[in-house]
Amino acid sequence: MSANPSRSDAQIGSLIISALFVLVGIVTLYDTTGYSDRDSKVFPQTVAIILIVTSGASLVTGFLRPDTQGGFGTGIWWRRVVLVAAMFAASLLMPYIGFLPAGAIAFAGGLIAAMHDRWTARTAVYYCGSGVAIMAAFFGLFELVLNVPLP
């Protein structure tokens, strides 16, 4: 019996995507060397480094302990589509409708995609309240503390 189980097509795809994200992080990190303002380098460099480290860890883990199942596993496909569509919609609409409404779209889409239990009036109130608090906290952090201009 082999110590290294054979890799499924989904596992190979995961390794390729991990390697691609490492490459994207390296390209992004290299791109920031051309920025003239030091303050504008901090966020992209931080995100690129985190992307390289986490994707690299995923790549190494995939090589050392391959998952014979791999891929997305079981689940409801429309939840994934709703999450990605909500993120894209929020990103594309943010310059036109502003930070808070776009954040509400992203939050609602993520919430709909993640909610597996039955909706009740109580959970809807809790989730709406927590969404408002989270978006207000991010707005306050970026606008008031970090002085980042928001649309």
N, C-alpha and C. Protein backbone atom coordinates (compact mmCIF):
# COMPACT_ATOMS: atom_id res chain seq x y z
N MET A 1 0.84 -1.18 0.00
CA MET A 1 0.00 0.00 0.00
C MET A 1 0.88 1.24 0.00
N SER A 2 0.56 2.19 -0.81
CA SER A 2 1.37 3.39 -0.96
C SER A 2 1.13 4.36 0.20
N ALA A 3 2.20 5.01 0.63
CA ALA A 3 2.09 6.00 1.70
C ALA A 3 1.48 7.29 1.19
N ASN A 4 1.54 7.49 -0.11
CA ASN A 4 1.01 8.71 -0.73
C ASN A 4 -0.19 8.35 -1.58
N PRO A 5 -1.42 8.62 -1.07
CA PRO A 5 -2.60 8.28 -1.87
C PRO A 5 -2.60 9.06 -3.18
N SER A 6 -3.20 8.47 -4.19
CA SER A 6 -3.23 9.14 -5.48
C SER A 6 -4.08 10.40 -5.39
N ARG A 7 -3.68 11.37 -6.16
CA ARG A 7 -4.39 12.65 -6.14
C ARG A 7 -5.53 12.62 -7.15
N SER A 8 -6.66 13.11 -6.74
CA SER A 8 -7.80 13.21 -7.65
C SER A 8 -7.62 14.45 -8.52
N ASP A 9 -8.44 14.55 -9.55
CA ASP A 9 -8.40 15.73 -10.42
C ASP A 9 -8.69 17.00 -9.63
N ALA A 10 -9.61 16.90 -8.65
CA ALA A 10 -9.94 18.07 -7.84
C ALA A 10 -8.74 18.50 -7.00
N GLN A 11 -7.97 17.51 -6.49
CA GLN A 11 -6.78 17.83 -5.69
C GLN A 11 -5.74 18.52 -6.56
N ILE A 12 -5.56 18.04 -7.77
CA ILE A 12 -4.60 18.67 -8.68
C ILE A 12 -5.05 20.09 -9.01
N GLY A 13 -6.35 20.28 -9.21
CA GLY A 13 -6.87 21.62 -9.45
C GLY A 13 -6.63 22.55 -8.27
N SER A 14 -6.79 22.03 -7.05
CA SER A 14 -6.53 22.84 -5.85
C SER A 14 -5.06 23.23 -5.77
N LEU A 15 -4.17 22.32 -6.12
CA LEU A 15 -2.74 22.64 -6.12
C LEU A 15 -2.42 23.70 -7.17
N ILE A 16 -3.03 23.60 -8.32
CA ILE A 16 -2.79 24.59 -9.38
C ILE A 16 -3.29 25.97 -8.94
N ILE A 17 -4.48 26.03 -8.34
CA ILE A 17 -5.03 27.31 -7.89
C ILE A 17 -4.17 27.90 -6.78
N SER A 18 -3.69 27.06 -5.86
CA SER A 18 -2.81 27.56 -4.79
C SER A 18 -1.54 28.15 -5.38
N ALA A 19 -0.95 27.45 -6.35
CA ALA A 19 0.26 27.96 -7.00
C ALA A 19 -0.03 29.26 -7.74
N LEU A 20 -1.20 29.34 -8.38
CA LEU A 20 -1.59 30.56 -9.09
C LEU A 20 -1.71 31.74 -8.12
N PHE A 21 -2.31 31.50 -6.93
CA PHE A 21 -2.44 32.58 -5.95
C PHE A 21 -1.09 33.00 -5.39
N VAL A 22 -0.16 32.07 -5.24
CA VAL A 22 1.20 32.44 -4.83
C VAL A 22 1.82 33.36 -5.88
N LEU A 23 1.65 32.99 -7.14
CA LEU A 23 2.17 33.80 -8.24
C LEU A 23 1.52 35.19 -8.27
N VAL A 24 0.21 35.26 -8.09
CA VAL A 24 -0.50 36.55 -8.06
C VAL A 24 0.03 37.42 -6.91
N GLY A 25 0.27 36.81 -5.75
CA GLY A 25 0.82 37.54 -4.62
C GLY A 25 2.21 38.10 -4.91
N ILE A 26 3.03 37.30 -5.57
CA ILE A 26 4.39 37.75 -5.91
C ILE A 26 4.33 38.89 -6.91
N VAL A 27 3.47 38.78 -7.93
CA VAL A 27 3.32 39.85 -8.92
C VAL A 27 2.81 41.13 -8.25
N THR A 28 1.85 41.00 -7.36
CA THR A 28 1.32 42.16 -6.64
C THR A 28 2.40 42.80 -5.77
N LEU A 29 3.16 41.98 -5.09
CA LEU A 29 4.24 42.49 -4.25
C LEU A 29 5.29 43.22 -5.10
N TYR A 30 5.61 42.67 -6.26
CA TYR A 30 6.55 43.32 -7.16
C TYR A 30 5.98 44.64 -7.68
N ASP A 31 4.69 44.65 -7.98
CA ASP A 31 4.05 45.86 -8.50
C ASP A 31 4.12 47.01 -7.51
N THR A 32 4.05 46.71 -6.23
CA THR A 32 4.07 47.78 -5.22
C THR A 32 5.43 48.47 -5.12
N THR A 33 6.48 47.88 -5.69
CA THR A 33 7.80 48.54 -5.64
C THR A 33 7.81 49.81 -6.47
N GLY A 34 6.88 49.94 -7.41
CA GLY A 34 6.81 51.14 -8.24
C GLY A 34 5.98 52.26 -7.66
N TYR A 35 5.35 52.03 -6.52
CA TYR A 35 4.53 53.08 -5.89
C TYR A 35 5.43 54.14 -5.28
N SER A 36 5.09 55.40 -5.54
CA SER A 36 5.94 56.48 -5.04
C SER A 36 5.65 56.82 -3.58
N ASP A 37 4.40 56.72 -3.17
CA ASP A 37 4.02 57.08 -1.81
C ASP A 37 4.11 55.85 -0.91
N ARG A 38 4.88 55.97 0.15
CA ARG A 38 5.07 54.83 1.05
C ARG A 38 3.76 54.39 1.69
N ASP A 39 2.89 55.33 2.02
CA ASP A 39 1.62 54.99 2.66
C ASP A 39 0.72 54.15 1.75
N SER A 40 0.81 54.36 0.44
CA SER A 40 -0.05 53.60 -0.47
C SER A 40 0.47 52.18 -0.69
N LYS A 41 1.66 51.87 -0.21
CA LYS A 41 2.22 50.53 -0.37
C LYS A 41 1.77 49.57 0.73
N VAL A 42 1.43 50.09 1.89
CA VAL A 42 1.24 49.25 3.06
C VAL A 42 0.13 48.21 2.86
N PHE A 43 -1.06 48.62 2.46
CA PHE A 43 -2.17 47.69 2.34
C PHE A 43 -1.94 46.63 1.26
N PRO A 44 -1.55 47.01 0.03
CA PRO A 44 -1.34 45.98 -0.98
C PRO A 44 -0.19 45.03 -0.62
N GLN A 45 0.86 45.55 0.00
CA GLN A 45 1.96 44.67 0.40
C GLN A 45 1.52 43.69 1.48
N THR A 46 0.75 44.17 2.44
CA THR A 46 0.26 43.29 3.51
C THR A 46 -0.63 42.19 2.93
N VAL A 47 -1.55 42.56 2.07
CA VAL A 47 -2.45 41.57 1.47
C VAL A 47 -1.65 40.59 0.61
N ALA A 48 -0.69 41.07 -0.15
CA ALA A 48 0.12 40.19 -1.00
C ALA A 48 0.93 39.20 -0.16
N ILE A 49 1.50 39.67 0.92
CA ILE A 49 2.28 38.77 1.80
C ILE A 49 1.37 37.72 2.42
N ILE A 50 0.19 38.13 2.88
CA ILE A 50 -0.75 37.17 3.46
C ILE A 50 -1.19 36.17 2.40
N LEU A 51 -1.44 36.63 1.18
CA LEU A 51 -1.83 35.74 0.09
C LEU A 51 -0.73 34.73 -0.22
N ILE A 52 0.51 35.17 -0.26
CA ILE A 52 1.63 34.27 -0.53
C ILE A 52 1.78 33.24 0.57
N VAL A 53 1.71 33.68 1.82
CA VAL A 53 1.89 32.76 2.96
C VAL A 53 0.76 31.73 3.03
N THR A 54 -0.48 32.18 2.94
CA THR A 54 -1.60 31.24 3.07
C THR A 54 -1.70 30.30 1.86
N SER A 55 -1.48 30.82 0.66
CA SER A 55 -1.52 29.96 -0.52
C SER A 55 -0.34 29.00 -0.53
N GLY A 56 0.79 29.47 -0.07
CA GLY A 56 1.96 28.59 0.04
C GLY A 56 1.71 27.48 1.05
N ALA A 57 1.08 27.82 2.17
CA ALA A 57 0.74 26.79 3.17
C ALA A 57 -0.24 25.79 2.59
N SER A 58 -1.21 26.26 1.83
CA SER A 58 -2.16 25.35 1.17
C SER A 58 -1.46 24.45 0.17
N LEU A 59 -0.53 25.00 -0.55
CA LEU A 59 0.22 24.23 -1.54
C LEU A 59 1.06 23.15 -0.87
N VAL A 60 1.78 23.52 0.17
CA VAL A 60 2.62 22.55 0.89
C VAL A 60 1.76 21.47 1.55
N THR A 61 0.67 21.89 2.18
CA THR A 61 -0.23 20.92 2.82
C THR A 61 -0.81 19.96 1.79
N GLY A 62 -1.18 20.48 0.63
CA GLY A 62 -1.72 19.63 -0.43
C GLY A 62 -0.72 18.60 -0.93
N PHE A 63 0.57 18.97 -0.94
CA PHE A 63 1.60 18.02 -1.36
C PHE A 63 1.89 16.99 -0.27
N LEU A 64 1.97 17.45 0.97
CA LEU A 64 2.34 16.54 2.06
C LEU A 64 1.21 15.62 2.48
N ARG A 65 -0.01 16.13 2.53
CA ARG A 65 -1.16 15.32 2.94
C ARG A 65 -2.27 15.47 1.91
N PRO A 66 -2.17 14.78 0.79
CA PRO A 66 -3.21 14.92 -0.22
C PRO A 66 -4.54 14.38 0.28
N ASP A 67 -5.58 15.09 -0.07
CA ASP A 67 -6.94 14.70 0.28
C ASP A 67 -7.51 13.92 -0.90
N THR A 68 -7.85 12.68 -0.66
CA THR A 68 -8.35 11.86 -1.77
C THR A 68 -9.71 12.34 -2.27
N GLN A 69 -10.46 13.02 -1.43
CA GLN A 69 -11.76 13.52 -1.85
C GLN A 69 -11.60 14.81 -2.64
N GLY A 70 -10.95 15.80 -2.05
CA GLY A 70 -10.64 17.05 -2.73
C GLY A 70 -11.85 17.80 -3.24
N GLY A 71 -11.61 18.88 -3.94
CA GLY A 71 -12.68 19.65 -4.55
C GLY A 71 -13.57 20.33 -3.53
N PHE A 72 -14.77 20.67 -3.97
CA PHE A 72 -15.72 21.36 -3.12
C PHE A 72 -16.42 20.43 -2.15
N GLY A 73 -16.39 19.14 -2.42
CA GLY A 73 -17.13 18.22 -1.57
C GLY A 73 -18.61 18.34 -1.86
N THR A 74 -19.40 17.95 -0.89
CA THR A 74 -20.84 18.04 -1.09
C THR A 74 -21.31 19.41 -0.61
N GLY A 75 -22.42 19.81 -1.13
CA GLY A 75 -22.97 21.10 -0.73
C GLY A 75 -23.95 21.59 -1.78
N ILE A 76 -24.53 22.72 -1.50
CA ILE A 76 -25.53 23.28 -2.39
C ILE A 76 -24.84 24.32 -3.28
N TRP A 77 -24.84 24.08 -4.57
CA TRP A 77 -24.08 24.89 -5.50
C TRP A 77 -24.57 26.33 -5.55
N TRP A 78 -25.86 26.57 -5.39
CA TRP A 78 -26.38 27.93 -5.55
C TRP A 78 -25.88 28.84 -4.44
N ARG A 79 -25.52 28.29 -3.29
CA ARG A 79 -24.98 29.13 -2.22
C ARG A 79 -23.64 29.75 -2.63
N ARG A 80 -22.83 28.97 -3.30
CA ARG A 80 -21.54 29.48 -3.78
C ARG A 80 -21.75 30.56 -4.83
N VAL A 81 -22.71 30.35 -5.71
CA VAL A 81 -23.00 31.33 -6.76
C VAL A 81 -23.51 32.63 -6.14
N VAL A 82 -24.41 32.53 -5.16
CA VAL A 82 -24.95 33.73 -4.51
C VAL A 82 -23.84 34.52 -3.82
N LEU A 83 -22.93 33.83 -3.14
CA LEU A 83 -21.84 34.52 -2.45
C LEU A 83 -20.95 35.28 -3.43
N VAL A 84 -20.52 34.60 -4.48
CA VAL A 84 -19.64 35.24 -5.47
C VAL A 84 -20.37 36.38 -6.18
N ALA A 85 -21.63 36.16 -6.54
CA ALA A 85 -22.41 37.21 -7.22
C ALA A 85 -22.59 38.43 -6.32
N ALA A 86 -22.84 38.21 -5.04
CA ALA A 86 -23.01 39.34 -4.11
C ALA A 86 -21.71 40.13 -3.97
N MET A 87 -20.59 39.44 -3.91
CA MET A 87 -19.30 40.13 -3.80
C MET A 87 -18.99 40.94 -5.06
N PHE A 88 -19.24 40.33 -6.22
CA PHE A 88 -19.02 41.06 -7.47
C PHE A 88 -19.96 42.26 -7.57
N ALA A 89 -21.23 42.07 -7.25
CA ALA A 89 -22.20 43.16 -7.32
C ALA A 89 -21.79 44.31 -6.39
N ALA A 90 -21.38 43.97 -5.18
CA ALA A 90 -20.96 45.01 -4.23
C ALA A 90 -19.74 45.76 -4.76
N SER A 91 -18.79 45.02 -5.31
CA SER A 91 -17.57 45.66 -5.84
C SER A 91 -17.87 46.57 -7.02
N LEU A 92 -18.74 46.11 -7.91
CA LEU A 92 -19.04 46.90 -9.09
C LEU A 92 -19.94 48.10 -8.79
N LEU A 93 -20.82 47.96 -7.82
CA LEU A 93 -21.76 49.03 -7.51
C LEU A 93 -21.21 50.06 -6.51
N MET A 94 -20.16 49.73 -5.79
CA MET A 94 -19.66 50.62 -4.74
C MET A 94 -19.35 52.04 -5.22
N PRO A 95 -18.71 52.22 -6.38
CA PRO A 95 -18.44 53.60 -6.81
C PRO A 95 -19.72 54.40 -7.10
N TYR A 96 -20.82 53.72 -7.41
CA TYR A 96 -22.05 54.40 -7.79
C TYR A 96 -23.02 54.59 -6.63
N ILE A 97 -23.10 53.61 -5.73
CA ILE A 97 -24.08 53.71 -4.65
C ILE A 97 -23.46 53.96 -3.29
N GLY A 98 -22.14 53.86 -3.19
CA GLY A 98 -21.47 54.15 -1.93
C GLY A 98 -21.09 52.90 -1.14
N PHE A 99 -20.30 53.12 -0.11
CA PHE A 99 -19.74 52.05 0.70
C PHE A 99 -20.79 51.30 1.49
N LEU A 100 -21.65 52.02 2.18
CA LEU A 100 -22.62 51.35 3.06
C LEU A 100 -23.66 50.54 2.29
N PRO A 101 -24.30 51.06 1.24
CA PRO A 101 -25.25 50.21 0.50
C PRO A 101 -24.57 49.00 -0.16
N ALA A 102 -23.37 49.20 -0.69
CA ALA A 102 -22.65 48.07 -1.30
C ALA A 102 -22.27 47.04 -0.22
N GLY A 103 -21.89 47.53 0.95
CA GLY A 103 -21.60 46.62 2.05
C GLY A 103 -22.83 45.84 2.48
N ALA A 104 -23.99 46.48 2.42
CA ALA A 104 -25.24 45.80 2.76
C ALA A 104 -25.53 44.69 1.76
N ILE A 105 -25.26 44.92 0.48
CA ILE A 105 -25.46 43.90 -0.54
C ILE A 105 -24.54 42.71 -0.29
N ALA A 106 -23.26 43.00 -0.02
CA ALA A 106 -22.30 41.92 0.24
C ALA A 106 -22.67 41.15 1.50
N PHE A 107 -23.07 41.87 2.55
CA PHE A 107 -23.43 41.21 3.80
C PHE A 107 -24.67 40.34 3.61
N ALA A 108 -25.68 40.87 2.94
CA ALA A 108 -26.91 40.11 2.73
C ALA A 108 -26.66 38.87 1.88
N GLY A 109 -25.87 39.02 0.82
CA GLY A 109 -25.55 37.86 -0.03
C GLY A 109 -24.78 36.79 0.73
N GLY A 110 -23.81 37.21 1.52
CA GLY A 110 -23.06 36.26 2.33
C GLY A 110 -23.93 35.59 3.37
N LEU A 111 -24.83 36.35 3.95
CA LEU A 111 -25.73 35.81 4.96
C LEU A 111 -26.70 34.80 4.36
N ILE A 112 -27.25 35.11 3.21
CA ILE A 112 -28.15 34.18 2.54
C ILE A 112 -27.40 32.90 2.16
N ALA A 113 -26.17 33.05 1.69
CA ALA A 113 -25.39 31.88 1.30
C ALA A 113 -25.00 31.03 2.50
N ALA A 114 -24.79 31.64 3.66
CA ALA A 114 -24.30 30.91 4.82
C ALA A 114 -25.40 30.36 5.72
N MET A 115 -26.60 30.89 5.61
CA MET A 115 -27.68 30.51 6.52
C MET A 115 -28.28 29.18 6.11
N HIS A 116 -28.03 28.16 6.91
CA HIS A 116 -28.56 26.82 6.63
C HIS A 116 -29.80 26.51 7.47
N ASP A 117 -29.97 27.22 8.58
CA ASP A 117 -31.12 26.99 9.45
C ASP A 117 -32.34 27.72 8.94
N ARG A 118 -33.45 27.41 9.53
CA ARG A 118 -34.70 28.06 9.17
C ARG A 118 -34.68 29.51 9.65
N TRP A 119 -35.12 30.42 8.79
CA TRP A 119 -35.19 31.83 9.15
C TRP A 119 -36.39 32.07 10.05
N THR A 120 -36.15 32.84 11.09
CA THR A 120 -37.24 33.31 11.94
C THR A 120 -37.13 34.83 12.03
N ALA A 121 -38.17 35.46 12.53
CA ALA A 121 -38.13 36.92 12.68
C ALA A 121 -37.01 37.31 13.64
N ARG A 122 -36.81 36.52 14.67
CA ARG A 122 -35.78 36.83 15.66
C ARG A 122 -34.38 36.77 15.05
N THR A 123 -34.08 35.71 14.28
CA THR A 123 -32.75 35.62 13.66
C THR A 123 -32.56 36.72 12.63
N ALA A 124 -33.60 37.07 11.89
CA ALA A 124 -33.49 38.15 10.91
C ALA A 124 -33.16 39.47 11.60
N VAL A 125 -33.79 39.75 12.74
CA VAL A 125 -33.49 40.98 13.48
C VAL A 125 -32.07 40.96 14.01
N TYR A 126 -31.65 39.83 14.57
CA TYR A 126 -30.27 39.71 15.07
C TYR A 126 -29.25 39.91 13.96
N TYR A 127 -29.48 39.26 12.82
CA TYR A 127 -28.52 39.35 11.73
C TYR A 127 -28.51 40.73 11.11
N CYS A 128 -29.66 41.34 10.96
CA CYS A 128 -29.69 42.71 10.42
C CYS A 128 -29.00 43.68 11.38
N GLY A 129 -29.25 43.52 12.66
CA GLY A 129 -28.59 44.38 13.65
C GLY A 129 -27.08 44.19 13.66
N SER A 130 -26.65 42.94 13.59
CA SER A 130 -25.20 42.71 13.59
C SER A 130 -24.58 43.21 12.29
N GLY A 131 -25.30 43.10 11.17
CA GLY A 131 -24.79 43.63 9.91
C GLY A 131 -24.63 45.13 9.95
N VAL A 132 -25.62 45.82 10.51
CA VAL A 132 -25.53 47.28 10.64
C VAL A 132 -24.34 47.66 11.53
N ALA A 133 -24.17 46.94 12.64
CA ALA A 133 -23.06 47.23 13.56
C ALA A 133 -21.71 47.00 12.89
N ILE A 134 -21.59 45.90 12.15
CA ILE A 134 -20.32 45.59 11.47
C ILE A 134 -20.01 46.63 10.40
N MET A 135 -21.01 46.97 9.58
CA MET A 135 -20.77 47.96 8.52
C MET A 135 -20.46 49.34 9.11
N ALA A 136 -21.14 49.71 10.18
CA ALA A 136 -20.86 51.00 10.83
C ALA A 136 -19.45 51.00 11.42
N ALA A 137 -19.04 49.87 11.98
CA ALA A 137 -17.68 49.79 12.54
C ALA A 137 -16.62 49.93 11.44
N PHE A 138 -16.83 49.24 10.32
CA PHE A 138 -15.88 49.37 9.21
C PHE A 138 -15.89 50.78 8.64
N PHE A 139 -17.06 51.37 8.50
CA PHE A 139 -17.15 52.74 7.99
C PHE A 139 -16.40 53.69 8.93
N GLY A 140 -16.65 53.56 10.23
CA GLY A 140 -15.96 54.40 11.21
C GLY A 140 -14.46 54.19 11.19
N LEU A 141 -14.04 52.94 11.07
CA LEU A 141 -12.60 52.64 11.04
C LEU A 141 -11.94 53.29 9.84
N PHE A 142 -12.50 53.07 8.65
CA PHE A 142 -11.87 53.61 7.45
C PHE A 142 -12.01 55.12 7.34
N GLU A 143 -13.20 55.64 7.57
CA GLU A 143 -13.45 57.06 7.35
C GLU A 143 -12.88 57.94 8.47
N LEU A 144 -13.07 57.53 9.72
CA LEU A 144 -12.71 58.40 10.85
C LEU A 144 -11.34 58.11 11.42
N VAL A 145 -10.95 56.85 11.51
CA VAL A 145 -9.67 56.52 12.14
C VAL A 145 -8.54 56.50 11.12
N LEU A 146 -8.73 55.79 10.00
CA LEU A 146 -7.66 55.66 9.02
C LEU A 146 -7.67 56.76 7.95
N ASN A 147 -8.71 57.58 7.96
CA ASN A 147 -8.87 58.68 6.97
C ASN A 147 -8.80 58.20 5.53
N VAL A 148 -9.41 57.05 5.26
CA VAL A 148 -9.49 56.53 3.91
C VAL A 148 -10.77 57.07 3.28
N PRO A 149 -10.65 57.76 2.14
CA PRO A 149 -11.87 58.28 1.51
C PRO A 149 -12.70 57.14 0.94
N LEU A 150 -13.96 57.12 1.28
CA LEU A 150 -14.87 56.07 0.82
C LEU A 150 -15.87 56.66 -0.16
N PRO A 151 -16.32 55.82 -1.12
CA PRO A 151 -17.31 56.32 -2.09
C PRO A 151 -18.65 56.54 -1.43
